[in-house]
Amino acid sequence: MKKSKVQSPKSKVAAVRELVLKSATQHEHFVQMAFFAAAAKDDNQRLTMLVVNQGVLGLAIAESGSLQMPLRKVFGVAYGWLTQAGYTDTDRMIRDERDRQQVLLFNGVINLNCASVVASPERKLRVLAEEVGEVAEAVDFMERQNSIRNRHHLMVELVQVAAVCVAWLEAIENQKQEPKAKG
């Protein structure tokens, strides 16, 4: 008799994260936004794209619409921006940031992250808005002084935006996989 393999909670989280990263980066909305972000003329244009797509996500929440497309678009802008800046290991950087977020949650430094299925979309939007605001601040720093330090700060903030999107997409995927309650 063949034993069924039971996944540990940690490996299940990793499996969902890989599924989300793979499906999101191959989705047409992600690819479109990543291309446009990489082709944008400057960081101000990329920031505008990021803010506009975050606004579309906010509208989707207000209208109780699907969140996957606007999330993929925000993720695509951040990912394309990182790619345009010359970062070649973007997937690993995002995975590392997601792991860091989980450690912060486990250690009580933060009380929720966007992978939580119980956090409201409005709460998750506030987390994303805070991260996008930090990208805007990093762009301001770059305008004042284009230094390696400021460029690194911008990269860190973009990775955090992408990781928040991935976490949120993980929550959506986990909600799909939860057994429906019988009513």
N, C-alpha and C. Protein backbone atom coordinates (compact mmCIF):
# COMPACT_ATOMS: atom_id res chain seq x y z
N MET A 1 0.85 -1.18 0.00
CA MET A 1 0.00 0.00 0.00
C MET A 1 0.89 1.25 0.00
N LYS A 2 0.53 2.19 -0.84
CA LYS A 2 1.31 3.41 -0.99
C LYS A 2 0.90 4.43 0.07
N LYS A 3 1.90 4.97 0.78
CA LYS A 3 1.62 6.00 1.78
C LYS A 3 1.36 7.33 1.09
N SER A 4 0.35 8.04 1.58
CA SER A 4 0.12 9.38 1.03
C SER A 4 1.04 10.35 1.77
N LYS A 5 1.64 11.21 0.98
CA LYS A 5 2.58 12.18 1.53
C LYS A 5 1.81 13.39 2.04
N VAL A 6 2.02 13.75 3.30
CA VAL A 6 1.37 14.91 3.89
C VAL A 6 2.38 16.05 3.89
N GLN A 7 1.97 17.18 3.33
CA GLN A 7 2.85 18.33 3.29
C GLN A 7 2.86 19.03 4.64
N SER A 8 4.04 19.45 5.07
CA SER A 8 4.12 20.25 6.28
C SER A 8 3.55 21.63 5.96
N PRO A 9 3.08 22.35 6.99
CA PRO A 9 2.53 23.69 6.73
C PRO A 9 3.54 24.60 6.01
N LYS A 10 4.82 24.49 6.38
CA LYS A 10 5.84 25.33 5.77
C LYS A 10 6.00 24.99 4.29
N SER A 11 6.01 23.69 3.95
CA SER A 11 6.16 23.32 2.54
C SER A 11 4.90 23.66 1.76
N LYS A 12 3.74 23.63 2.40
CA LYS A 12 2.49 24.02 1.73
C LYS A 12 2.53 25.51 1.39
N VAL A 13 3.01 26.32 2.32
CA VAL A 13 3.14 27.77 2.07
C VAL A 13 4.10 28.00 0.91
N ALA A 14 5.23 27.29 0.92
CA ALA A 14 6.21 27.44 -0.16
C ALA A 14 5.61 27.02 -1.50
N ALA A 15 4.83 25.95 -1.49
CA ALA A 15 4.21 25.47 -2.72
C ALA A 15 3.22 26.48 -3.27
N VAL A 16 2.42 27.07 -2.40
CA VAL A 16 1.46 28.09 -2.83
C VAL A 16 2.21 29.31 -3.36
N ARG A 17 3.27 29.71 -2.68
CA ARG A 17 4.06 30.87 -3.11
C ARG A 17 4.64 30.62 -4.51
N GLU A 18 5.17 29.43 -4.75
CA GLU A 18 5.73 29.12 -6.07
C GLU A 18 4.64 29.12 -7.13
N LEU A 19 3.48 28.57 -6.79
CA LEU A 19 2.35 28.56 -7.72
C LEU A 19 1.94 29.99 -8.08
N VAL A 20 1.84 30.84 -7.06
CA VAL A 20 1.44 32.23 -7.28
C VAL A 20 2.48 32.96 -8.12
N LEU A 21 3.76 32.82 -7.77
CA LEU A 21 4.81 33.50 -8.52
C LEU A 21 4.81 33.05 -9.98
N LYS A 22 4.71 31.75 -10.19
CA LYS A 22 4.75 31.22 -11.56
C LYS A 22 3.53 31.68 -12.36
N SER A 23 2.34 31.55 -11.77
CA SER A 23 1.14 31.92 -12.53
C SER A 23 1.06 33.43 -12.73
N ALA A 24 1.45 34.22 -11.73
CA ALA A 24 1.36 35.68 -11.86
C ALA A 24 2.34 36.20 -12.90
N THR A 25 3.55 35.66 -12.92
CA THR A 25 4.55 36.17 -13.86
C THR A 25 4.29 35.71 -15.29
N GLN A 26 3.41 34.74 -15.48
CA GLN A 26 3.08 34.29 -16.83
C GLN A 26 1.74 34.85 -17.31
N HIS A 27 1.06 35.59 -16.45
CA HIS A 27 -0.26 36.12 -16.80
C HIS A 27 -0.10 37.34 -17.70
N GLU A 28 -1.01 37.51 -18.65
CA GLU A 28 -0.91 38.58 -19.63
C GLU A 28 -0.91 39.98 -19.00
N HIS A 29 -1.68 40.19 -17.93
CA HIS A 29 -1.71 41.51 -17.29
C HIS A 29 -0.37 41.84 -16.64
N PHE A 30 0.25 40.85 -16.03
CA PHE A 30 1.58 41.04 -15.45
C PHE A 30 2.58 41.38 -16.55
N VAL A 31 2.59 40.56 -17.60
CA VAL A 31 3.55 40.73 -18.69
C VAL A 31 3.39 42.11 -19.32
N GLN A 32 2.15 42.52 -19.55
CA GLN A 32 1.88 43.83 -20.14
C GLN A 32 2.46 44.95 -19.27
N MET A 33 2.17 44.93 -17.97
CA MET A 33 2.63 46.00 -17.08
C MET A 33 4.15 45.95 -16.90
N ALA A 34 4.72 44.74 -16.82
CA ALA A 34 6.17 44.62 -16.68
C ALA A 34 6.86 45.22 -17.91
N PHE A 35 6.31 44.95 -19.09
CA PHE A 35 6.87 45.51 -20.33
C PHE A 35 6.78 47.03 -20.32
N PHE A 36 5.60 47.57 -20.00
CA PHE A 36 5.42 49.01 -19.99
C PHE A 36 6.33 49.68 -18.96
N ALA A 37 6.47 49.07 -17.79
CA ALA A 37 7.33 49.65 -16.75
C ALA A 37 8.79 49.66 -17.22
N ALA A 38 9.22 48.57 -17.84
CA ALA A 38 10.60 48.49 -18.32
C ALA A 38 10.84 49.50 -19.44
N ALA A 39 9.81 49.78 -20.24
CA ALA A 39 9.95 50.68 -21.38
C ALA A 39 9.69 52.15 -21.01
N ALA A 40 9.21 52.40 -19.81
CA ALA A 40 8.89 53.78 -19.41
C ALA A 40 10.13 54.66 -19.49
N LYS A 41 9.90 55.96 -19.71
CA LYS A 41 11.03 56.86 -19.93
C LYS A 41 11.83 57.15 -18.66
N ASP A 42 11.18 57.09 -17.49
CA ASP A 42 11.91 57.40 -16.26
C ASP A 42 11.15 56.89 -15.04
N ASP A 43 11.75 57.08 -13.87
CA ASP A 43 11.15 56.59 -12.62
C ASP A 43 9.83 57.30 -12.30
N ASN A 44 9.69 58.56 -12.68
CA ASN A 44 8.42 59.26 -12.44
C ASN A 44 7.28 58.62 -13.22
N GLN A 45 7.55 58.23 -14.45
CA GLN A 45 6.52 57.57 -15.26
C GLN A 45 6.18 56.20 -14.67
N ARG A 46 7.19 55.48 -14.20
CA ARG A 46 6.95 54.17 -13.57
C ARG A 46 6.14 54.33 -12.28
N LEU A 47 6.48 55.35 -11.49
CA LEU A 47 5.74 55.60 -10.26
C LEU A 47 4.28 55.92 -10.56
N THR A 48 4.04 56.71 -11.59
CA THR A 48 2.67 57.02 -11.99
C THR A 48 1.92 55.73 -12.34
N MET A 49 2.57 54.84 -13.09
CA MET A 49 1.95 53.56 -13.44
C MET A 49 1.61 52.76 -12.19
N LEU A 50 2.51 52.77 -11.22
CA LEU A 50 2.31 52.02 -9.98
C LEU A 50 1.10 52.58 -9.21
N VAL A 51 1.05 53.89 -9.08
CA VAL A 51 -0.04 54.54 -8.34
C VAL A 51 -1.38 54.35 -9.06
N VAL A 52 -1.40 54.50 -10.37
CA VAL A 52 -2.64 54.33 -11.13
C VAL A 52 -3.17 52.91 -10.95
N ASN A 53 -2.30 51.92 -11.06
CA ASN A 53 -2.75 50.53 -10.93
C ASN A 53 -3.16 50.20 -9.50
N GLN A 54 -2.54 50.84 -8.53
CA GLN A 54 -3.00 50.69 -7.14
C GLN A 54 -4.39 51.29 -7.00
N GLY A 55 -4.65 52.40 -7.67
CA GLY A 55 -5.97 53.01 -7.65
C GLY A 55 -7.03 52.12 -8.28
N VAL A 56 -6.66 51.44 -9.37
CA VAL A 56 -7.58 50.49 -10.01
C VAL A 56 -7.91 49.36 -9.03
N LEU A 57 -6.92 48.92 -8.28
CA LEU A 57 -7.14 47.90 -7.26
C LEU A 57 -8.13 48.41 -6.20
N GLY A 58 -7.96 49.66 -5.78
CA GLY A 58 -8.88 50.25 -4.81
C GLY A 58 -10.31 50.31 -5.35
N LEU A 59 -10.45 50.65 -6.62
CA LEU A 59 -11.79 50.67 -7.23
C LEU A 59 -12.39 49.27 -7.27
N ALA A 60 -11.57 48.27 -7.58
CA ALA A 60 -12.06 46.89 -7.61
C ALA A 60 -12.56 46.47 -6.23
N ILE A 61 -11.86 46.89 -5.19
CA ILE A 61 -12.30 46.58 -3.82
C ILE A 61 -13.63 47.28 -3.54
N ALA A 62 -13.72 48.57 -3.89
CA ALA A 62 -14.95 49.33 -3.63
C ALA A 62 -16.15 48.75 -4.37
N GLU A 63 -15.89 48.18 -5.54
CA GLU A 63 -16.98 47.63 -6.35
C GLU A 63 -17.15 46.13 -6.15
N SER A 64 -16.45 45.57 -5.16
CA SER A 64 -16.48 44.12 -4.88
C SER A 64 -16.15 43.30 -6.13
N GLY A 65 -15.20 43.79 -6.89
CA GLY A 65 -14.78 43.11 -8.11
C GLY A 65 -13.63 42.15 -7.86
N SER A 66 -13.18 41.53 -8.93
CA SER A 66 -12.04 40.62 -8.86
C SER A 66 -10.77 41.43 -8.61
N LEU A 67 -9.94 40.93 -7.71
CA LEU A 67 -8.72 41.65 -7.34
C LEU A 67 -7.48 41.10 -8.03
N GLN A 68 -7.57 39.94 -8.64
CA GLN A 68 -6.38 39.32 -9.20
C GLN A 68 -5.76 40.14 -10.33
N MET A 69 -6.57 40.63 -11.25
CA MET A 69 -6.01 41.39 -12.38
C MET A 69 -5.30 42.66 -11.90
N PRO A 70 -5.94 43.52 -11.09
CA PRO A 70 -5.21 44.72 -10.67
C PRO A 70 -4.00 44.40 -9.79
N LEU A 71 -4.07 43.33 -8.99
CA LEU A 71 -2.89 42.94 -8.20
C LEU A 71 -1.75 42.52 -9.11
N ARG A 72 -2.06 41.74 -10.14
CA ARG A 72 -1.02 41.33 -11.09
C ARG A 72 -0.42 42.53 -11.80
N LYS A 73 -1.24 43.54 -12.06
CA LYS A 73 -0.72 44.73 -12.73
C LYS A 73 0.23 45.51 -11.82
N VAL A 74 -0.15 45.70 -10.56
CA VAL A 74 0.75 46.38 -9.62
C VAL A 74 2.05 45.59 -9.50
N PHE A 75 1.92 44.28 -9.35
CA PHE A 75 3.08 43.39 -9.27
C PHE A 75 3.93 43.52 -10.54
N GLY A 76 3.28 43.56 -11.69
CA GLY A 76 4.00 43.67 -12.95
C GLY A 76 4.80 44.95 -13.07
N VAL A 77 4.21 46.07 -12.62
CA VAL A 77 4.94 47.34 -12.67
C VAL A 77 6.18 47.27 -11.79
N ALA A 78 6.03 46.80 -10.56
CA ALA A 78 7.19 46.69 -9.65
C ALA A 78 8.25 45.76 -10.23
N TYR A 79 7.82 44.62 -10.75
CA TYR A 79 8.74 43.63 -11.32
C TYR A 79 9.46 44.19 -12.54
N GLY A 80 8.71 44.83 -13.44
CA GLY A 80 9.33 45.40 -14.63
C GLY A 80 10.31 46.51 -14.29
N TRP A 81 9.97 47.29 -13.27
CA TRP A 81 10.85 48.38 -12.82
C TRP A 81 12.16 47.79 -12.30
N LEU A 82 12.06 46.74 -11.51
CA LEU A 82 13.27 46.08 -11.01
C LEU A 82 14.10 45.51 -12.15
N THR A 83 13.44 44.91 -13.12
CA THR A 83 14.13 44.34 -14.27
C THR A 83 14.84 45.44 -15.07
N GLN A 84 14.13 46.55 -15.29
CA GLN A 84 14.72 47.67 -16.02
C GLN A 84 15.94 48.21 -15.30
N ALA A 85 15.91 48.17 -13.97
CA ALA A 85 17.04 48.67 -13.17
C ALA A 85 18.23 47.71 -13.18
N GLY A 86 18.06 46.54 -13.82
CA GLY A 86 19.18 45.62 -13.96
C GLY A 86 19.23 44.48 -12.97
N TYR A 87 18.19 44.33 -12.16
CA TYR A 87 18.17 43.23 -11.20
C TYR A 87 17.73 41.96 -11.92
N THR A 88 18.56 40.93 -11.84
CA THR A 88 18.30 39.70 -12.59
C THR A 88 17.72 38.59 -11.73
N ASP A 89 17.77 38.74 -10.43
CA ASP A 89 17.29 37.68 -9.53
C ASP A 89 16.06 38.15 -8.76
N THR A 90 15.14 38.77 -9.48
CA THR A 90 13.97 39.38 -8.87
C THR A 90 13.10 38.36 -8.14
N ASP A 91 12.91 37.18 -8.74
CA ASP A 91 12.09 36.15 -8.07
C ASP A 91 12.66 35.79 -6.70
N ARG A 92 13.97 35.60 -6.63
CA ARG A 92 14.60 35.25 -5.36
C ARG A 92 14.45 36.38 -4.34
N MET A 93 14.62 37.61 -4.79
CA MET A 93 14.49 38.75 -3.88
C MET A 93 13.07 38.82 -3.32
N ILE A 94 12.08 38.54 -4.15
CA ILE A 94 10.69 38.57 -3.69
C ILE A 94 10.43 37.42 -2.72
N ARG A 95 10.94 36.23 -3.03
CA ARG A 95 10.78 35.09 -2.11
C ARG A 95 11.42 35.41 -0.75
N ASP A 96 12.62 35.98 -0.79
CA ASP A 96 13.31 36.33 0.46
C ASP A 96 12.51 37.34 1.27
N GLU A 97 11.92 38.31 0.60
CA GLU A 97 11.10 39.32 1.30
C GLU A 97 9.85 38.68 1.89
N ARG A 98 9.22 37.77 1.14
CA ARG A 98 8.06 37.06 1.69
C ARG A 98 8.46 36.25 2.93
N ASP A 99 9.60 35.60 2.87
CA ASP A 99 10.08 34.85 4.05
C ASP A 99 10.31 35.81 5.22
N ARG A 100 10.89 36.98 4.95
CA ARG A 100 11.13 37.98 5.99
C ARG A 100 9.82 38.43 6.60
N GLN A 101 8.80 38.64 5.77
CA GLN A 101 7.48 39.04 6.27
C GLN A 101 6.90 37.97 7.19
N GLN A 102 7.06 36.71 6.82
CA GLN A 102 6.55 35.62 7.66
C GLN A 102 7.26 35.58 9.01
N VAL A 103 8.58 35.81 9.00
CA VAL A 103 9.34 35.83 10.26
C VAL A 103 8.87 36.98 11.14
N LEU A 104 8.66 38.16 10.54
CA LEU A 104 8.16 39.31 11.31
C LEU A 104 6.80 39.00 11.93
N LEU A 105 5.94 38.32 11.18
CA LEU A 105 4.63 37.94 11.70
C LEU A 105 4.78 36.93 12.84
N PHE A 106 5.60 35.92 12.64
CA PHE A 106 5.83 34.89 13.65
C PHE A 106 6.40 35.47 14.94
N ASN A 107 7.30 36.45 14.80
CA ASN A 107 7.95 37.06 15.97
C ASN A 107 7.12 38.18 16.59
N GLY A 108 5.94 38.45 16.05
CA GLY A 108 5.06 39.46 16.63
C GLY A 108 5.44 40.89 16.31
N VAL A 109 6.37 41.09 15.39
CA VAL A 109 6.77 42.45 15.00
C VAL A 109 5.65 43.12 14.21
N ILE A 110 4.95 42.33 13.39
CA ILE A 110 3.76 42.80 12.70
C ILE A 110 2.61 41.88 13.11
N ASN A 111 1.39 42.39 13.07
CA ASN A 111 0.27 41.57 13.53
C ASN A 111 -0.53 40.93 12.40
N LEU A 112 -0.19 41.23 11.16
CA LEU A 112 -0.78 40.53 10.02
C LEU A 112 0.07 40.81 8.80
N ASN A 113 -0.05 39.93 7.82
CA ASN A 113 0.51 40.25 6.52
C ASN A 113 -0.54 39.93 5.48
N CYS A 114 -0.29 40.33 4.28
CA CYS A 114 -1.33 40.25 3.24
C CYS A 114 -1.62 38.83 2.78
N ALA A 115 -0.86 37.84 3.26
CA ALA A 115 -1.16 36.44 2.95
C ALA A 115 -2.31 35.92 3.83
N SER A 116 -2.70 36.69 4.81
CA SER A 116 -3.77 36.29 5.72
C SER A 116 -5.11 36.28 4.99
N VAL A 117 -5.84 35.19 5.16
CA VAL A 117 -7.16 35.12 4.54
C VAL A 117 -8.20 35.86 5.37
N VAL A 118 -7.87 36.22 6.61
CA VAL A 118 -8.84 36.92 7.47
C VAL A 118 -8.72 38.44 7.38
N ALA A 119 -7.60 38.95 6.89
CA ALA A 119 -7.46 40.41 6.75
C ALA A 119 -8.33 40.88 5.59
N SER A 120 -9.00 42.00 5.79
CA SER A 120 -9.90 42.52 4.76
C SER A 120 -9.10 43.08 3.58
N PRO A 121 -9.71 43.13 2.41
CA PRO A 121 -9.04 43.75 1.26
C PRO A 121 -8.68 45.22 1.54
N GLU A 122 -9.53 45.91 2.28
CA GLU A 122 -9.25 47.31 2.61
C GLU A 122 -7.97 47.43 3.46
N ARG A 123 -7.82 46.51 4.41
CA ARG A 123 -6.61 46.52 5.25
C ARG A 123 -5.38 46.21 4.41
N LYS A 124 -5.51 45.26 3.52
CA LYS A 124 -4.38 44.90 2.64
C LYS A 124 -4.03 46.06 1.72
N LEU A 125 -5.05 46.78 1.25
CA LEU A 125 -4.79 47.94 0.39
C LEU A 125 -4.00 49.01 1.15
N ARG A 126 -4.31 49.19 2.43
CA ARG A 126 -3.55 50.17 3.24
C ARG A 126 -2.09 49.75 3.35
N VAL A 127 -1.84 48.46 3.51
CA VAL A 127 -0.45 47.97 3.57
C VAL A 127 0.25 48.26 2.24
N LEU A 128 -0.42 47.94 1.14
CA LEU A 128 0.16 48.18 -0.19
C LEU A 128 0.38 49.68 -0.42
N ALA A 129 -0.59 50.50 -0.02
CA ALA A 129 -0.47 51.95 -0.21
C ALA A 129 0.73 52.50 0.56
N GLU A 130 0.95 51.97 1.75
CA GLU A 130 2.11 52.41 2.55
C GLU A 130 3.40 52.06 1.82
N GLU A 131 3.47 50.88 1.23
CA GLU A 131 4.67 50.47 0.50
C GLU A 131 4.86 51.30 -0.77
N VAL A 132 3.77 51.57 -1.48
CA VAL A 132 3.86 52.41 -2.69
C VAL A 132 4.31 53.82 -2.30
N GLY A 133 3.83 54.31 -1.15
CA GLY A 133 4.29 55.61 -0.66
C GLY A 133 5.79 55.63 -0.39
N GLU A 134 6.31 54.52 0.09
CA GLU A 134 7.76 54.43 0.32
C GLU A 134 8.53 54.40 -1.00
N VAL A 135 7.94 53.82 -2.04
CA VAL A 135 8.56 53.88 -3.37
C VAL A 135 8.60 55.34 -3.83
N ALA A 136 7.50 56.07 -3.62
CA ALA A 136 7.46 57.49 -4.01
C ALA A 136 8.54 58.27 -3.27
N GLU A 137 8.70 58.01 -1.99
CA GLU A 137 9.74 58.67 -1.21
C GLU A 137 11.13 58.34 -1.76
N ALA A 138 11.33 57.07 -2.14
CA ALA A 138 12.63 56.66 -2.69
C ALA A 138 12.90 57.36 -4.03
N VAL A 139 11.85 57.57 -4.83
CA VAL A 139 12.02 58.31 -6.08
C VAL A 139 12.41 59.75 -5.78
N ASP A 140 11.80 60.34 -4.76
CA ASP A 140 12.18 61.70 -4.35
C ASP A 140 13.66 61.75 -3.97
N PHE A 141 14.12 60.78 -3.20
CA PHE A 141 15.54 60.73 -2.83
C PHE A 141 16.43 60.63 -4.07
N MET A 142 15.98 59.81 -5.05
CA MET A 142 16.76 59.65 -6.28
C MET A 142 16.82 60.95 -7.06
N GLU A 143 15.74 61.73 -7.05
CA GLU A 143 15.75 63.01 -7.76
C GLU A 143 16.75 63.98 -7.13
N ARG A 144 16.86 63.91 -5.80
CA ARG A 144 17.79 64.80 -5.10
C ARG A 144 19.22 64.36 -5.30
N GLN A 145 19.44 63.03 -5.26
CA GLN A 145 20.81 62.52 -5.43
C GLN A 145 20.75 61.09 -5.94
N ASN A 146 21.17 60.91 -7.19
CA ASN A 146 21.19 59.59 -7.79
C ASN A 146 22.45 58.86 -7.31
N SER A 147 22.31 58.20 -6.16
CA SER A 147 23.45 57.51 -5.57
C SER A 147 23.16 56.01 -5.49
N ILE A 148 24.18 55.23 -5.27
CA ILE A 148 24.02 53.78 -5.11
C ILE A 148 23.11 53.51 -3.91
N ARG A 149 23.31 54.25 -2.84
CA ARG A 149 22.49 54.07 -1.63
C ARG A 149 21.01 54.32 -1.92
N ASN A 150 20.71 55.42 -2.60
CA ASN A 150 19.32 55.75 -2.91
C ASN A 150 18.72 54.76 -3.92
N ARG A 151 19.51 54.31 -4.88
CA ARG A 151 19.04 53.32 -5.85
C ARG A 151 18.71 52.01 -5.13
N HIS A 152 19.55 51.63 -4.16
CA HIS A 152 19.30 50.41 -3.38
C HIS A 152 18.02 50.56 -2.56
N HIS A 153 17.81 51.73 -1.97
CA HIS A 153 16.59 51.99 -1.19
C HIS A 153 15.35 51.82 -2.08
N LEU A 154 15.42 52.34 -3.30
CA LEU A 154 14.31 52.19 -4.24
C LEU A 154 14.07 50.72 -4.55
N MET A 155 15.14 49.97 -4.78
CA MET A 155 15.01 48.53 -5.07
C MET A 155 14.35 47.80 -3.92
N VAL A 156 14.76 48.09 -2.69
CA VAL A 156 14.18 47.44 -1.52
C VAL A 156 12.68 47.71 -1.45
N GLU A 157 12.29 48.95 -1.68
CA GLU A 157 10.88 49.30 -1.61
C GLU A 157 10.07 48.64 -2.73
N LEU A 158 10.63 48.55 -3.92
CA LEU A 158 9.95 47.87 -5.02
C LEU A 158 9.77 46.38 -4.73
N VAL A 159 10.78 45.77 -4.14
CA VAL A 159 10.68 44.35 -3.77
C VAL A 159 9.57 44.19 -2.73
N GLN A 160 9.46 45.12 -1.80
CA GLN A 160 8.41 45.03 -0.79
C GLN A 160 7.02 45.17 -1.42
N VAL A 161 6.87 46.06 -2.39
CA VAL A 161 5.59 46.19 -3.10
C VAL A 161 5.26 44.87 -3.79
N ALA A 162 6.23 44.31 -4.50
CA ALA A 162 6.00 43.04 -5.21
C ALA A 162 5.66 41.93 -4.23
N ALA A 163 6.35 41.88 -3.09
CA ALA A 163 6.10 40.83 -2.10
C ALA A 163 4.71 40.97 -1.47
N VAL A 164 4.26 42.19 -1.25
CA VAL A 164 2.91 42.40 -0.72
C VAL A 164 1.88 41.87 -1.74
N CYS A 165 2.11 42.16 -3.02
CA CYS A 165 1.20 41.65 -4.05
C CYS A 165 1.20 40.12 -4.08
N VAL A 166 2.37 39.52 -3.99
CA VAL A 166 2.47 38.06 -3.98
C VAL A 166 1.75 37.50 -2.75
N ALA A 167 1.95 38.12 -1.59
CA ALA A 167 1.28 37.65 -0.37
C ALA A 167 -0.24 37.71 -0.55
N TRP A 168 -0.73 38.79 -1.10
CA TRP A 168 -2.16 38.96 -1.31
C TRP A 168 -2.69 37.92 -2.30
N LEU A 169 -1.94 37.67 -3.37
CA LEU A 169 -2.32 36.63 -4.32
C LEU A 169 -2.29 35.25 -3.67
N GLU A 170 -1.35 35.04 -2.73
CA GLU A 170 -1.31 33.78 -1.96
C GLU A 170 -2.61 33.62 -1.18
N ALA A 171 -3.06 34.70 -0.54
CA ALA A 171 -4.31 34.63 0.24
C ALA A 171 -5.49 34.28 -0.66
N ILE A 172 -5.53 34.88 -1.84
CA ILE A 172 -6.62 34.57 -2.79
C ILE A 172 -6.54 33.10 -3.18
N GLU A 173 -5.35 32.61 -3.46
CA GLU A 173 -5.17 31.20 -3.84
C GLU A 173 -5.56 30.28 -2.68
N ASN A 174 -5.17 30.65 -1.47
CA ASN A 174 -5.53 29.83 -0.30
C ASN A 174 -7.04 29.82 -0.07
N GLN A 175 -7.71 30.94 -0.32
CA GLN A 175 -9.17 30.97 -0.18
C GLN A 175 -9.83 30.05 -1.19
N LYS A 176 -9.28 29.97 -2.38
CA LYS A 176 -9.82 29.07 -3.41
C LYS A 176 -9.68 27.61 -2.98
N GLN A 177 -8.58 27.31 -2.27
CA GLN A 177 -8.29 25.93 -1.90
C GLN A 177 -9.00 25.48 -0.63
N GLU A 178 -9.53 26.46 0.15
CA GLU A 178 -10.24 26.09 1.38
C GLU A 178 -11.52 25.37 1.03
N PRO A 179 -11.84 24.29 1.77
CA PRO A 179 -13.10 23.62 1.51
C PRO A 179 -14.27 24.55 1.84
N LYS A 180 -15.26 24.55 0.98
CA LYS A 180 -16.43 25.39 1.20
C LYS A 180 -17.26 24.82 2.35
N ALA A 181 -17.72 25.71 3.23
CA ALA A 181 -18.57 25.28 4.35
C ALA A 181 -19.92 24.87 3.82
N LYS A 182 -20.42 23.79 4.34
CA LYS A 182 -21.75 23.32 3.93
C LYS A 182 -22.80 24.14 4.67
N GLY A 183 -23.78 24.59 3.93
CA GLY A 183 -24.77 25.48 4.53
C GLY A 183 -26.10 24.93 4.64
